Amino acid sequence: SGIERVSKILMPVLFLILLALVARS
């Protein structure tokens, strides 16, 4: 309910932000 649930939310967000930064850079 804590680690697994939060990871499933944060990891996709991390990848989306990272891909946006790669595209800009």
PDBML (XML) file of the C-alpha atoms, coordinates in Angstrom:
<?xml version="1.0" encoding="UTF-8" ?>
<PDBx:datablock datablockName="MODEL"
   xmlns:PDBx="http://pdbml.pdb.org/schema/pdbx-v50.xsd"
   xmlns:xsi="http://www.w3.org/2001/XMLSchema-instance"
   xsi:schemaLocation="http://pdbml.pdb.org/schema/pdbx-v50.xsd pdbx-v50.xsd">
   <PDBx:atom_siteCategory>
      <PDBx:atom_site id="1">
         <PDBx:B_iso_or_equiv>0.00</PDBx:B_iso_or_equiv>
         <PDBx:Cartn_x>0.000</PDBx:Cartn_x>
         <PDBx:Cartn_y>0.000</PDBx:Cartn_y>
         <PDBx:Cartn_z>0.000</PDBx:Cartn_z>
         <PDBx:auth_asym_id>A</PDBx:auth_asym_id>
         <PDBx:auth_atom_id>CA</PDBx:auth_atom_id>
         <PDBx:auth_comp_id>SER</PDBx:auth_comp_id>
         <PDBx:auth_seq_id>1</PDBx:auth_seq_id>
         <PDBx:group_PDB>ATOM</PDBx:group_PDB>
         <PDBx:label_alt_id xsi:nil="true" />
         <PDBx:label_asym_id>A</PDBx:label_asym_id>
         <PDBx:label_atom_id>CA</PDBx:label_atom_id>
         <PDBx:label_comp_id>SER</PDBx:label_comp_id>
         <PDBx:label_entity_id>1</PDBx:label_entity_id>
         <PDBx:label_seq_id>1</PDBx:label_seq_id>
         <PDBx:occupancy>1.00</PDBx:occupancy>
         <PDBx:pdbx_PDB_model_num>1</PDBx:pdbx_PDB_model_num>
         <PDBx:type_symbol>C</PDBx:type_symbol>
      </PDBx:atom_site>
      <PDBx:atom_site id="2">
         <PDBx:B_iso_or_equiv>0.00</PDBx:B_iso_or_equiv>
         <PDBx:Cartn_x>2.960</PDBx:Cartn_x>
         <PDBx:Cartn_y>2.343</PDBx:Cartn_y>
         <PDBx:Cartn_z>0.450</PDBx:Cartn_z>
         <PDBx:auth_asym_id>A</PDBx:auth_asym_id>
         <PDBx:auth_atom_id>CA</PDBx:auth_atom_id>
         <PDBx:auth_comp_id>GLY</PDBx:auth_comp_id>
         <PDBx:auth_seq_id>2</PDBx:auth_seq_id>
         <PDBx:group_PDB>ATOM</PDBx:group_PDB>
         <PDBx:label_alt_id xsi:nil="true" />
         <PDBx:label_asym_id>A</PDBx:label_asym_id>
         <PDBx:label_atom_id>CA</PDBx:label_atom_id>
         <PDBx:label_comp_id>GLY</PDBx:label_comp_id>
         <PDBx:label_entity_id>1</PDBx:label_entity_id>
         <PDBx:label_seq_id>2</PDBx:label_seq_id>
         <PDBx:occupancy>1.00</PDBx:occupancy>
         <PDBx:pdbx_PDB_model_num>1</PDBx:pdbx_PDB_model_num>
         <PDBx:type_symbol>C</PDBx:type_symbol>
      </PDBx:atom_site>
      <PDBx:atom_site id="3">
         <PDBx:B_iso_or_equiv>0.00</PDBx:B_iso_or_equiv>
         <PDBx:Cartn_x>6.162</PDBx:Cartn_x>
         <PDBx:Cartn_y>1.470</PDBx:Cartn_y>
         <PDBx:Cartn_z>-1.422</PDBx:Cartn_z>
         <PDBx:auth_asym_id>A</PDBx:auth_asym_id>
         <PDBx:auth_atom_id>CA</PDBx:auth_atom_id>
         <PDBx:auth_comp_id>ILE</PDBx:auth_comp_id>
         <PDBx:auth_seq_id>3</PDBx:auth_seq_id>
         <PDBx:group_PDB>ATOM</PDBx:group_PDB>
         <PDBx:label_alt_id xsi:nil="true" />
         <PDBx:label_asym_id>A</PDBx:label_asym_id>
         <PDBx:label_atom_id>CA</PDBx:label_atom_id>
         <PDBx:label_comp_id>ILE</PDBx:label_comp_id>
         <PDBx:label_entity_id>1</PDBx:label_entity_id>
         <PDBx:label_seq_id>3</PDBx:label_seq_id>
         <PDBx:occupancy>1.00</PDBx:occupancy>
         <PDBx:pdbx_PDB_model_num>1</PDBx:pdbx_PDB_model_num>
         <PDBx:type_symbol>C</PDBx:type_symbol>
      </PDBx:atom_site>
      <PDBx:atom_site id="4">
         <PDBx:B_iso_or_equiv>0.00</PDBx:B_iso_or_equiv>
         <PDBx:Cartn_x>4.556</PDBx:Cartn_x>
         <PDBx:Cartn_y>-0.412</PDBx:Cartn_y>
         <PDBx:Cartn_z>-4.327</PDBx:Cartn_z>
         <PDBx:auth_asym_id>A</PDBx:auth_asym_id>
         <PDBx:auth_atom_id>CA</PDBx:auth_atom_id>
         <PDBx:auth_comp_id>GLU</PDBx:auth_comp_id>
         <PDBx:auth_seq_id>4</PDBx:auth_seq_id>
         <PDBx:group_PDB>ATOM</PDBx:group_PDB>
         <PDBx:label_alt_id xsi:nil="true" />
         <PDBx:label_asym_id>A</PDBx:label_asym_id>
         <PDBx:label_atom_id>CA</PDBx:label_atom_id>
         <PDBx:label_comp_id>GLU</PDBx:label_comp_id>
         <PDBx:label_entity_id>1</PDBx:label_entity_id>
         <PDBx:label_seq_id>4</PDBx:label_seq_id>
         <PDBx:occupancy>1.00</PDBx:occupancy>
         <PDBx:pdbx_PDB_model_num>1</PDBx:pdbx_PDB_model_num>
         <PDBx:type_symbol>C</PDBx:type_symbol>
      </PDBx:atom_site>
      <PDBx:atom_site id="5">
         <PDBx:B_iso_or_equiv>0.00</PDBx:B_iso_or_equiv>
         <PDBx:Cartn_x>1.706</PDBx:Cartn_x>
         <PDBx:Cartn_y>2.064</PDBx:Cartn_y>
         <PDBx:Cartn_z>-4.860</PDBx:Cartn_z>
         <PDBx:auth_asym_id>A</PDBx:auth_asym_id>
         <PDBx:auth_atom_id>CA</PDBx:auth_atom_id>
         <PDBx:auth_comp_id>ARG</PDBx:auth_comp_id>
         <PDBx:auth_seq_id>5</PDBx:auth_seq_id>
         <PDBx:group_PDB>ATOM</PDBx:group_PDB>
         <PDBx:label_alt_id xsi:nil="true" />
         <PDBx:label_asym_id>A</PDBx:label_asym_id>
         <PDBx:label_atom_id>CA</PDBx:label_atom_id>
         <PDBx:label_comp_id>ARG</PDBx:label_comp_id>
         <PDBx:label_entity_id>1</PDBx:label_entity_id>
         <PDBx:label_seq_id>5</PDBx:label_seq_id>
         <PDBx:occupancy>1.00</PDBx:occupancy>
         <PDBx:pdbx_PDB_model_num>1</PDBx:pdbx_PDB_model_num>
         <PDBx:type_symbol>C</PDBx:type_symbol>
      </PDBx:atom_site>
      <PDBx:atom_site id="6">
         <PDBx:B_iso_or_equiv>0.00</PDBx:B_iso_or_equiv>
         <PDBx:Cartn_x>3.921</PDBx:Cartn_x>
         <PDBx:Cartn_y>5.151</PDBx:Cartn_y>
         <PDBx:Cartn_z>-4.711</PDBx:Cartn_z>
         <PDBx:auth_asym_id>A</PDBx:auth_asym_id>
         <PDBx:auth_atom_id>CA</PDBx:auth_atom_id>
         <PDBx:auth_comp_id>VAL</PDBx:auth_comp_id>
         <PDBx:auth_seq_id>6</PDBx:auth_seq_id>
         <PDBx:group_PDB>ATOM</PDBx:group_PDB>
         <PDBx:label_alt_id xsi:nil="true" />
         <PDBx:label_asym_id>A</PDBx:label_asym_id>
         <PDBx:label_atom_id>CA</PDBx:label_atom_id>
         <PDBx:label_comp_id>VAL</PDBx:label_comp_id>
         <PDBx:label_entity_id>1</PDBx:label_entity_id>
         <PDBx:label_seq_id>6</PDBx:label_seq_id>
         <PDBx:occupancy>1.00</PDBx:occupancy>
         <PDBx:pdbx_PDB_model_num>1</PDBx:pdbx_PDB_model_num>
         <PDBx:type_symbol>C</PDBx:type_symbol>
      </PDBx:atom_site>
      <PDBx:atom_site id="7">
         <PDBx:B_iso_or_equiv>0.00</PDBx:B_iso_or_equiv>
         <PDBx:Cartn_x>6.542</PDBx:Cartn_x>
         <PDBx:Cartn_y>3.577</PDBx:Cartn_y>
         <PDBx:Cartn_z>-7.008</PDBx:Cartn_z>
         <PDBx:auth_asym_id>A</PDBx:auth_asym_id>
         <PDBx:auth_atom_id>CA</PDBx:auth_atom_id>
         <PDBx:auth_comp_id>SER</PDBx:auth_comp_id>
         <PDBx:auth_seq_id>7</PDBx:auth_seq_id>
         <PDBx:group_PDB>ATOM</PDBx:group_PDB>
         <PDBx:label_alt_id xsi:nil="true" />
         <PDBx:label_asym_id>A</PDBx:label_asym_id>
         <PDBx:label_atom_id>CA</PDBx:label_atom_id>
         <PDBx:label_comp_id>SER</PDBx:label_comp_id>
         <PDBx:label_entity_id>1</PDBx:label_entity_id>
         <PDBx:label_seq_id>7</PDBx:label_seq_id>
         <PDBx:occupancy>1.00</PDBx:occupancy>
         <PDBx:pdbx_PDB_model_num>1</PDBx:pdbx_PDB_model_num>
         <PDBx:type_symbol>C</PDBx:type_symbol>
      </PDBx:atom_site>
      <PDBx:atom_site id="8">
         <PDBx:B_iso_or_equiv>0.00</PDBx:B_iso_or_equiv>
         <PDBx:Cartn_x>3.887</PDBx:Cartn_x>
         <PDBx:Cartn_y>2.779</PDBx:Cartn_y>
         <PDBx:Cartn_z>-9.617</PDBx:Cartn_z>
         <PDBx:auth_asym_id>A</PDBx:auth_asym_id>
         <PDBx:auth_atom_id>CA</PDBx:auth_atom_id>
         <PDBx:auth_comp_id>LYS</PDBx:auth_comp_id>
         <PDBx:auth_seq_id>8</PDBx:auth_seq_id>
         <PDBx:group_PDB>ATOM</PDBx:group_PDB>
         <PDBx:label_alt_id xsi:nil="true" />
         <PDBx:label_asym_id>A</PDBx:label_asym_id>
         <PDBx:label_atom_id>CA</PDBx:label_atom_id>
         <PDBx:label_comp_id>LYS</PDBx:label_comp_id>
         <PDBx:label_entity_id>1</PDBx:label_entity_id>
         <PDBx:label_seq_id>8</PDBx:label_seq_id>
         <PDBx:occupancy>1.00</PDBx:occupancy>
         <PDBx:pdbx_PDB_model_num>1</PDBx:pdbx_PDB_model_num>
         <PDBx:type_symbol>C</PDBx:type_symbol>
      </PDBx:atom_site>
      <PDBx:atom_site id="9">
         <PDBx:B_iso_or_equiv>0.00</PDBx:B_iso_or_equiv>
         <PDBx:Cartn_x>2.964</PDBx:Cartn_x>
         <PDBx:Cartn_y>6.480</PDBx:Cartn_y>
         <PDBx:Cartn_z>-9.657</PDBx:Cartn_z>
         <PDBx:auth_asym_id>A</PDBx:auth_asym_id>
         <PDBx:auth_atom_id>CA</PDBx:auth_atom_id>
         <PDBx:auth_comp_id>ILE</PDBx:auth_comp_id>
         <PDBx:auth_seq_id>9</PDBx:auth_seq_id>
         <PDBx:group_PDB>ATOM</PDBx:group_PDB>
         <PDBx:label_alt_id xsi:nil="true" />
         <PDBx:label_asym_id>A</PDBx:label_asym_id>
         <PDBx:label_atom_id>CA</PDBx:label_atom_id>
         <PDBx:label_comp_id>ILE</PDBx:label_comp_id>
         <PDBx:label_entity_id>1</PDBx:label_entity_id>
         <PDBx:label_seq_id>9</PDBx:label_seq_id>
         <PDBx:occupancy>1.00</PDBx:occupancy>
         <PDBx:pdbx_PDB_model_num>1</PDBx:pdbx_PDB_model_num>
         <PDBx:type_symbol>C</PDBx:type_symbol>
      </PDBx:atom_site>
      <PDBx:atom_site id="10">
         <PDBx:B_iso_or_equiv>0.00</PDBx:B_iso_or_equiv>
         <PDBx:Cartn_x>6.368</PDBx:Cartn_x>
         <PDBx:Cartn_y>8.107</PDBx:Cartn_y>
         <PDBx:Cartn_z>-9.369</PDBx:Cartn_z>
         <PDBx:auth_asym_id>A</PDBx:auth_asym_id>
         <PDBx:auth_atom_id>CA</PDBx:auth_atom_id>
         <PDBx:auth_comp_id>LEU</PDBx:auth_comp_id>
         <PDBx:auth_seq_id>10</PDBx:auth_seq_id>
         <PDBx:group_PDB>ATOM</PDBx:group_PDB>
         <PDBx:label_alt_id xsi:nil="true" />
         <PDBx:label_asym_id>A</PDBx:label_asym_id>
         <PDBx:label_atom_id>CA</PDBx:label_atom_id>
         <PDBx:label_comp_id>LEU</PDBx:label_comp_id>
         <PDBx:label_entity_id>1</PDBx:label_entity_id>
         <PDBx:label_seq_id>10</PDBx:label_seq_id>
         <PDBx:occupancy>1.00</PDBx:occupancy>
         <PDBx:pdbx_PDB_model_num>1</PDBx:pdbx_PDB_model_num>
         <PDBx:type_symbol>C</PDBx:type_symbol>
      </PDBx:atom_site>
      <PDBx:atom_site id="11">
         <PDBx:B_iso_or_equiv>0.00</PDBx:B_iso_or_equiv>
         <PDBx:Cartn_x>8.380</PDBx:Cartn_x>
         <PDBx:Cartn_y>5.950</PDBx:Cartn_y>
         <PDBx:Cartn_z>-11.788</PDBx:Cartn_z>
         <PDBx:auth_asym_id>A</PDBx:auth_asym_id>
         <PDBx:auth_atom_id>CA</PDBx:auth_atom_id>
         <PDBx:auth_comp_id>MET</PDBx:auth_comp_id>
         <PDBx:auth_seq_id>11</PDBx:auth_seq_id>
         <PDBx:group_PDB>ATOM</PDBx:group_PDB>
         <PDBx:label_alt_id xsi:nil="true" />
         <PDBx:label_asym_id>A</PDBx:label_asym_id>
         <PDBx:label_atom_id>CA</PDBx:label_atom_id>
         <PDBx:label_comp_id>MET</PDBx:label_comp_id>
         <PDBx:label_entity_id>1</PDBx:label_entity_id>
         <PDBx:label_seq_id>11</PDBx:label_seq_id>
         <PDBx:occupancy>1.00</PDBx:occupancy>
         <PDBx:pdbx_PDB_model_num>1</PDBx:pdbx_PDB_model_num>
         <PDBx:type_symbol>C</PDBx:type_symbol>
      </PDBx:atom_site>
      <PDBx:atom_site id="12">
         <PDBx:B_iso_or_equiv>0.00</PDBx:B_iso_or_equiv>
         <PDBx:Cartn_x>6.203</PDBx:Cartn_x>
         <PDBx:Cartn_y>6.703</PDBx:Cartn_y>
         <PDBx:Cartn_z>-14.855</PDBx:Cartn_z>
         <PDBx:auth_asym_id>A</PDBx:auth_asym_id>
         <PDBx:auth_atom_id>CA</PDBx:auth_atom_id>
         <PDBx:auth_comp_id>PRO</PDBx:auth_comp_id>
         <PDBx:auth_seq_id>12</PDBx:auth_seq_id>
         <PDBx:group_PDB>ATOM</PDBx:group_PDB>
         <PDBx:label_alt_id xsi:nil="true" />
         <PDBx:label_asym_id>A</PDBx:label_asym_id>
         <PDBx:label_atom_id>CA</PDBx:label_atom_id>
         <PDBx:label_comp_id>PRO</PDBx:label_comp_id>
         <PDBx:label_entity_id>1</PDBx:label_entity_id>
         <PDBx:label_seq_id>12</PDBx:label_seq_id>
         <PDBx:occupancy>1.00</PDBx:occupancy>
         <PDBx:pdbx_PDB_model_num>1</PDBx:pdbx_PDB_model_num>
         <PDBx:type_symbol>C</PDBx:type_symbol>
      </PDBx:atom_site>
      <PDBx:atom_site id="13">
         <PDBx:B_iso_or_equiv>0.00</PDBx:B_iso_or_equiv>
         <PDBx:Cartn_x>6.268</PDBx:Cartn_x>
         <PDBx:Cartn_y>10.403</PDBx:Cartn_y>
         <PDBx:Cartn_z>-13.913</PDBx:Cartn_z>
         <PDBx:auth_asym_id>A</PDBx:auth_asym_id>
         <PDBx:auth_atom_id>CA</PDBx:auth_atom_id>
         <PDBx:auth_comp_id>VAL</PDBx:auth_comp_id>
         <PDBx:auth_seq_id>13</PDBx:auth_seq_id>
         <PDBx:group_PDB>ATOM</PDBx:group_PDB>
         <PDBx:label_alt_id xsi:nil="true" />
         <PDBx:label_asym_id>A</PDBx:label_asym_id>
         <PDBx:label_atom_id>CA</PDBx:label_atom_id>
         <PDBx:label_comp_id>VAL</PDBx:label_comp_id>
         <PDBx:label_entity_id>1</PDBx:label_entity_id>
         <PDBx:label_seq_id>13</PDBx:label_seq_id>
         <PDBx:occupancy>1.00</PDBx:occupancy>
         <PDBx:pdbx_PDB_model_num>1</PDBx:pdbx_PDB_model_num>
         <PDBx:type_symbol>C</PDBx:type_symbol>
      </PDBx:atom_site>
      <PDBx:atom_site id="14">
         <PDBx:B_iso_or_equiv>0.00</PDBx:B_iso_or_equiv>
         <PDBx:Cartn_x>10.062</PDBx:Cartn_x>
         <PDBx:Cartn_y>10.206</PDBx:Cartn_y>
         <PDBx:Cartn_z>-13.656</PDBx:Cartn_z>
         <PDBx:auth_asym_id>A</PDBx:auth_asym_id>
         <PDBx:auth_atom_id>CA</PDBx:auth_atom_id>
         <PDBx:auth_comp_id>LEU</PDBx:auth_comp_id>
         <PDBx:auth_seq_id>14</PDBx:auth_seq_id>
         <PDBx:group_PDB>ATOM</PDBx:group_PDB>
         <PDBx:label_alt_id xsi:nil="true" />
         <PDBx:label_asym_id>A</PDBx:label_asym_id>
         <PDBx:label_atom_id>CA</PDBx:label_atom_id>
         <PDBx:label_comp_id>LEU</PDBx:label_comp_id>
         <PDBx:label_entity_id>1</PDBx:label_entity_id>
         <PDBx:label_seq_id>14</PDBx:label_seq_id>
         <PDBx:occupancy>1.00</PDBx:occupancy>
         <PDBx:pdbx_PDB_model_num>1</PDBx:pdbx_PDB_model_num>
         <PDBx:type_symbol>C</PDBx:type_symbol>
      </PDBx:atom_site>
      <PDBx:atom_site id="15">
         <PDBx:B_iso_or_equiv>0.00</PDBx:B_iso_or_equiv>
         <PDBx:Cartn_x>10.337</PDBx:Cartn_x>
         <PDBx:Cartn_y>8.727</PDBx:Cartn_y>
         <PDBx:Cartn_z>-17.153</PDBx:Cartn_z>
         <PDBx:auth_asym_id>A</PDBx:auth_asym_id>
         <PDBx:auth_atom_id>CA</PDBx:auth_atom_id>
         <PDBx:auth_comp_id>PHE</PDBx:auth_comp_id>
         <PDBx:auth_seq_id>15</PDBx:auth_seq_id>
         <PDBx:group_PDB>ATOM</PDBx:group_PDB>
         <PDBx:label_alt_id xsi:nil="true" />
         <PDBx:label_asym_id>A</PDBx:label_asym_id>
         <PDBx:label_atom_id>CA</PDBx:label_atom_id>
         <PDBx:label_comp_id>PHE</PDBx:label_comp_id>
         <PDBx:label_entity_id>1</PDBx:label_entity_id>
         <PDBx:label_seq_id>15</PDBx:label_seq_id>
         <PDBx:occupancy>1.00</PDBx:occupancy>
         <PDBx:pdbx_PDB_model_num>1</PDBx:pdbx_PDB_model_num>
         <PDBx:type_symbol>C</PDBx:type_symbol>
      </PDBx:atom_site>
      <PDBx:atom_site id="16">
         <PDBx:B_iso_or_equiv>0.00</PDBx:B_iso_or_equiv>
         <PDBx:Cartn_x>7.962</PDBx:Cartn_x>
         <PDBx:Cartn_y>11.302</PDBx:Cartn_y>
         <PDBx:Cartn_z>-18.669</PDBx:Cartn_z>
         <PDBx:auth_asym_id>A</PDBx:auth_asym_id>
         <PDBx:auth_atom_id>CA</PDBx:auth_atom_id>
         <PDBx:auth_comp_id>LEU</PDBx:auth_comp_id>
         <PDBx:auth_seq_id>16</PDBx:auth_seq_id>
         <PDBx:group_PDB>ATOM</PDBx:group_PDB>
         <PDBx:label_alt_id xsi:nil="true" />
         <PDBx:label_asym_id>A</PDBx:label_asym_id>
         <PDBx:label_atom_id>CA</PDBx:label_atom_id>
         <PDBx:label_comp_id>LEU</PDBx:label_comp_id>
         <PDBx:label_entity_id>1</PDBx:label_entity_id>
         <PDBx:label_seq_id>16</PDBx:label_seq_id>
         <PDBx:occupancy>1.00</PDBx:occupancy>
         <PDBx:pdbx_PDB_model_num>1</PDBx:pdbx_PDB_model_num>
         <PDBx:type_symbol>C</PDBx:type_symbol>
      </PDBx:atom_site>
      <PDBx:atom_site id="17">
         <PDBx:B_iso_or_equiv>0.00</PDBx:B_iso_or_equiv>
         <PDBx:Cartn_x>9.911</PDBx:Cartn_x>
         <PDBx:Cartn_y>14.227</PDBx:Cartn_y>
         <PDBx:Cartn_z>-17.204</PDBx:Cartn_z>
         <PDBx:auth_asym_id>A</PDBx:auth_asym_id>
         <PDBx:auth_atom_id>CA</PDBx:auth_atom_id>
         <PDBx:auth_comp_id>ILE</PDBx:auth_comp_id>
         <PDBx:auth_seq_id>17</PDBx:auth_seq_id>
         <PDBx:group_PDB>ATOM</PDBx:group_PDB>
         <PDBx:label_alt_id xsi:nil="true" />
         <PDBx:label_asym_id>A</PDBx:label_asym_id>
         <PDBx:label_atom_id>CA</PDBx:label_atom_id>
         <PDBx:label_comp_id>ILE</PDBx:label_comp_id>
         <PDBx:label_entity_id>1</PDBx:label_entity_id>
         <PDBx:label_seq_id>17</PDBx:label_seq_id>
         <PDBx:occupancy>1.00</PDBx:occupancy>
         <PDBx:pdbx_PDB_model_num>1</PDBx:pdbx_PDB_model_num>
         <PDBx:type_symbol>C</PDBx:type_symbol>
      </PDBx:atom_site>
      <PDBx:atom_site id="18">
         <PDBx:B_iso_or_equiv>0.00</PDBx:B_iso_or_equiv>
         <PDBx:Cartn_x>13.209</PDBx:Cartn_x>
         <PDBx:Cartn_y>12.690</PDBx:Cartn_y>
         <PDBx:Cartn_z>-18.235</PDBx:Cartn_z>
         <PDBx:auth_asym_id>A</PDBx:auth_asym_id>
         <PDBx:auth_atom_id>CA</PDBx:auth_atom_id>
         <PDBx:auth_comp_id>LEU</PDBx:auth_comp_id>
         <PDBx:auth_seq_id>18</PDBx:auth_seq_id>
         <PDBx:group_PDB>ATOM</PDBx:group_PDB>
         <PDBx:label_alt_id xsi:nil="true" />
         <PDBx:label_asym_id>A</PDBx:label_asym_id>
         <PDBx:label_atom_id>CA</PDBx:label_atom_id>
         <PDBx:label_comp_id>LEU</PDBx:label_comp_id>
         <PDBx:label_entity_id>1</PDBx:label_entity_id>
         <PDBx:label_seq_id>18</PDBx:label_seq_id>
         <PDBx:occupancy>1.00</PDBx:occupancy>
         <PDBx:pdbx_PDB_model_num>1</PDBx:pdbx_PDB_model_num>
         <PDBx:type_symbol>C</PDBx:type_symbol>
      </PDBx:atom_site>
      <PDBx:atom_site id="19">
         <PDBx:B_iso_or_equiv>0.00</PDBx:B_iso_or_equiv>
         <PDBx:Cartn_x>12.051</PDBx:Cartn_x>
         <PDBx:Cartn_y>12.131</PDBx:Cartn_y>
         <PDBx:Cartn_z>-21.820</PDBx:Cartn_z>
         <PDBx:auth_asym_id>A</PDBx:auth_asym_id>
         <PDBx:auth_atom_id>CA</PDBx:auth_atom_id>
         <PDBx:auth_comp_id>LEU</PDBx:auth_comp_id>
         <PDBx:auth_seq_id>19</PDBx:auth_seq_id>
         <PDBx:group_PDB>ATOM</PDBx:group_PDB>
         <PDBx:label_alt_id xsi:nil="true" />
         <PDBx:label_asym_id>A</PDBx:label_asym_id>
         <PDBx:label_atom_id>CA</PDBx:label_atom_id>
         <PDBx:label_comp_id>LEU</PDBx:label_comp_id>
         <PDBx:label_entity_id>1</PDBx:label_entity_id>
         <PDBx:label_seq_id>19</PDBx:label_seq_id>
         <PDBx:occupancy>1.00</PDBx:occupancy>
         <PDBx:pdbx_PDB_model_num>1</PDBx:pdbx_PDB_model_num>
         <PDBx:type_symbol>C</PDBx:type_symbol>
      </PDBx:atom_site>
      <PDBx:atom_site id="20">
         <PDBx:B_iso_or_equiv>0.00</PDBx:B_iso_or_equiv>
         <PDBx:Cartn_x>10.838</PDBx:Cartn_x>
         <PDBx:Cartn_y>15.735</PDBx:Cartn_y>
         <PDBx:Cartn_z>-22.028</PDBx:Cartn_z>
         <PDBx:auth_asym_id>A</PDBx:auth_asym_id>
         <PDBx:auth_atom_id>CA</PDBx:auth_atom_id>
         <PDBx:auth_comp_id>ALA</PDBx:auth_comp_id>
         <PDBx:auth_seq_id>20</PDBx:auth_seq_id>
         <PDBx:group_PDB>ATOM</PDBx:group_PDB>
         <PDBx:label_alt_id xsi:nil="true" />
         <PDBx:label_asym_id>A</PDBx:label_asym_id>
         <PDBx:label_atom_id>CA</PDBx:label_atom_id>
         <PDBx:label_comp_id>ALA</PDBx:label_comp_id>
         <PDBx:label_entity_id>1</PDBx:label_entity_id>
         <PDBx:label_seq_id>20</PDBx:label_seq_id>
         <PDBx:occupancy>1.00</PDBx:occupancy>
         <PDBx:pdbx_PDB_model_num>1</PDBx:pdbx_PDB_model_num>
         <PDBx:type_symbol>C</PDBx:type_symbol>
      </PDBx:atom_site>
      <PDBx:atom_site id="21">
         <PDBx:B_iso_or_equiv>0.00</PDBx:B_iso_or_equiv>
         <PDBx:Cartn_x>14.232</PDBx:Cartn_x>
         <PDBx:Cartn_y>16.964</PDBx:Cartn_y>
         <PDBx:Cartn_z>-20.806</PDBx:Cartn_z>
         <PDBx:auth_asym_id>A</PDBx:auth_asym_id>
         <PDBx:auth_atom_id>CA</PDBx:auth_atom_id>
         <PDBx:auth_comp_id>LEU</PDBx:auth_comp_id>
         <PDBx:auth_seq_id>21</PDBx:auth_seq_id>
         <PDBx:group_PDB>ATOM</PDBx:group_PDB>
         <PDBx:label_alt_id xsi:nil="true" />
         <PDBx:label_asym_id>A</PDBx:label_asym_id>
         <PDBx:label_atom_id>CA</PDBx:label_atom_id>
         <PDBx:label_comp_id>LEU</PDBx:label_comp_id>
         <PDBx:label_entity_id>1</PDBx:label_entity_id>
         <PDBx:label_seq_id>21</PDBx:label_seq_id>
         <PDBx:occupancy>1.00</PDBx:occupancy>
         <PDBx:pdbx_PDB_model_num>1</PDBx:pdbx_PDB_model_num>
         <PDBx:type_symbol>C</PDBx:type_symbol>
      </PDBx:atom_site>
      <PDBx:atom_site id="22">
         <PDBx:B_iso_or_equiv>0.00</PDBx:B_iso_or_equiv>
         <PDBx:Cartn_x>16.028</PDBx:Cartn_x>
         <PDBx:Cartn_y>14.751</PDBx:Cartn_y>
         <PDBx:Cartn_z>-23.337</PDBx:Cartn_z>
         <PDBx:auth_asym_id>A</PDBx:auth_asym_id>
         <PDBx:auth_atom_id>CA</PDBx:auth_atom_id>
         <PDBx:auth_comp_id>VAL</PDBx:auth_comp_id>
         <PDBx:auth_seq_id>22</PDBx:auth_seq_id>
         <PDBx:group_PDB>ATOM</PDBx:group_PDB>
         <PDBx:label_alt_id xsi:nil="true" />
         <PDBx:label_asym_id>A</PDBx:label_asym_id>
         <PDBx:label_atom_id>CA</PDBx:label_atom_id>
         <PDBx:label_comp_id>VAL</PDBx:label_comp_id>
         <PDBx:label_entity_id>1</PDBx:label_entity_id>
         <PDBx:label_seq_id>22</PDBx:label_seq_id>
         <PDBx:occupancy>1.00</PDBx:occupancy>
         <PDBx:pdbx_PDB_model_num>1</PDBx:pdbx_PDB_model_num>
         <PDBx:type_symbol>C</PDBx:type_symbol>
      </PDBx:atom_site>
      <PDBx:atom_site id="23">
         <PDBx:B_iso_or_equiv>0.00</PDBx:B_iso_or_equiv>
         <PDBx:Cartn_x>13.894</PDBx:Cartn_x>
         <PDBx:Cartn_y>16.128</PDBx:Cartn_y>
         <PDBx:Cartn_z>-26.166</PDBx:Cartn_z>
         <PDBx:auth_asym_id>A</PDBx:auth_asym_id>
         <PDBx:auth_atom_id>CA</PDBx:auth_atom_id>
         <PDBx:auth_comp_id>ALA</PDBx:auth_comp_id>
         <PDBx:auth_seq_id>23</PDBx:auth_seq_id>
         <PDBx:group_PDB>ATOM</PDBx:group_PDB>
         <PDBx:label_alt_id xsi:nil="true" />
         <PDBx:label_asym_id>A</PDBx:label_asym_id>
         <PDBx:label_atom_id>CA</PDBx:label_atom_id>
         <PDBx:label_comp_id>ALA</PDBx:label_comp_id>
         <PDBx:label_entity_id>1</PDBx:label_entity_id>
         <PDBx:label_seq_id>23</PDBx:label_seq_id>
         <PDBx:occupancy>1.00</PDBx:occupancy>
         <PDBx:pdbx_PDB_model_num>1</PDBx:pdbx_PDB_model_num>
         <PDBx:type_symbol>C</PDBx:type_symbol>
      </PDBx:atom_site>
      <PDBx:atom_site id="24">
         <PDBx:B_iso_or_equiv>0.00</PDBx:B_iso_or_equiv>
         <PDBx:Cartn_x>14.612</PDBx:Cartn_x>
         <PDBx:Cartn_y>19.722</PDBx:Cartn_y>
         <PDBx:Cartn_z>-25.104</PDBx:Cartn_z>
         <PDBx:auth_asym_id>A</PDBx:auth_asym_id>
         <PDBx:auth_atom_id>CA</PDBx:auth_atom_id>
         <PDBx:auth_comp_id>ARG</PDBx:auth_comp_id>
         <PDBx:auth_seq_id>24</PDBx:auth_seq_id>
         <PDBx:group_PDB>ATOM</PDBx:group_PDB>
         <PDBx:label_alt_id xsi:nil="true" />
         <PDBx:label_asym_id>A</PDBx:label_asym_id>
         <PDBx:label_atom_id>CA</PDBx:label_atom_id>
         <PDBx:label_comp_id>ARG</PDBx:label_comp_id>
         <PDBx:label_entity_id>1</PDBx:label_entity_id>
         <PDBx:label_seq_id>24</PDBx:label_seq_id>
         <PDBx:occupancy>1.00</PDBx:occupancy>
         <PDBx:pdbx_PDB_model_num>1</PDBx:pdbx_PDB_model_num>
         <PDBx:type_symbol>C</PDBx:type_symbol>
      </PDBx:atom_site>
      <PDBx:atom_site id="25">
         <PDBx:B_iso_or_equiv>0.00</PDBx:B_iso_or_equiv>
         <PDBx:Cartn_x>18.326</PDBx:Cartn_x>
         <PDBx:Cartn_y>19.178</PDBx:Cartn_y>
         <PDBx:Cartn_z>-24.579</PDBx:Cartn_z>
         <PDBx:auth_asym_id>A</PDBx:auth_asym_id>
         <PDBx:auth_atom_id>CA</PDBx:auth_atom_id>
         <PDBx:auth_comp_id>SER</PDBx:auth_comp_id>
         <PDBx:auth_seq_id>25</PDBx:auth_seq_id>
         <PDBx:group_PDB>ATOM</PDBx:group_PDB>
         <PDBx:label_alt_id xsi:nil="true" />
         <PDBx:label_asym_id>A</PDBx:label_asym_id>
         <PDBx:label_atom_id>CA</PDBx:label_atom_id>
         <PDBx:label_comp_id>SER</PDBx:label_comp_id>
         <PDBx:label_entity_id>1</PDBx:label_entity_id>
         <PDBx:label_seq_id>25</PDBx:label_seq_id>
         <PDBx:occupancy>1.00</PDBx:occupancy>
         <PDBx:pdbx_PDB_model_num>1</PDBx:pdbx_PDB_model_num>
         <PDBx:type_symbol>C</PDBx:type_symbol>
      </PDBx:atom_site>
   </PDBx:atom_siteCategory>
</PDBx:datablock>
